[in-house]
Every structure is written in C-alpha cells, then in structure tokens.
C-alpha cells in the first residue's frame, strides 16, 4: 500500500500566500495608498484574492501584495493602509482606531503576523469593547 498519486491537491496552480503589508514607518505615522489591480481566483481557496499594488516608500519600484478580497472591493479602487486611514471598505487600520461594532476581516492575531483571523469566504470579526 502507501500514498496515492491521484488523490493529491493540485497545489502547483495556486497563486501564492495571502498576507497584509509589513508594518513600516509610513503605516505607523500616517497612511500609504494602494491600487487594486485585479481580483483573482485561487484554486483551493473559497474566498477570492485581490492584487494590490503599492509604491515602495524607500526605492523606485512597485510592491505587489495579495489580500483576501472583501465584499465591495473592486478593481481600480484605491485602498489605504495605516493608522490615519479612514474607515471604509478595503482599508487597513489598527483595531484601536476602529469604533465598537465594526465588522472586519483578515485580522492579526498577534502584532505584525500579517493577518490570521477571519480569512475564509464569508467569515468576519466584530470589534467588541
């Protein structure tokens, strides 16, 4: 007996890991603007992914990030990451800046783990107290 070759997950077609931006000076002190380039399907994942492009604050180049696409996010939308970002669909901000009762997704469990909670399709968290 042993392992089978036909009943395996097709992992070679997956697009990549889904993570938030690493927190840097631009996010801690203000905000940084990104553009949603495309919304893509990832095999083996129920929720759609989006590709967000940011200007690198330190070098002349673009940084691509893959996030879980929340409901209401569309291509061509500007999203803002940082402590001074406004509360709207697609933006990333600290939990302390959000009012109580805010529905969020892709929340960090520990500081700077780049999003661990509520990442599946239809999942969300609510800010309490």
Foldseek 3Di string as FASTA:
>chain_A
DDDDDPPDDPQVQFDDDAFADQDDPCQAPAKFKWFFADWADGPPAAFIKTWIWGQDPPDGDIDIHIHGQDPPDDGGDMEMHHQHGDDDHPHHHDLVSDDFFDKAAQDDPDPRPGGDGHRHPPGIDTHHD
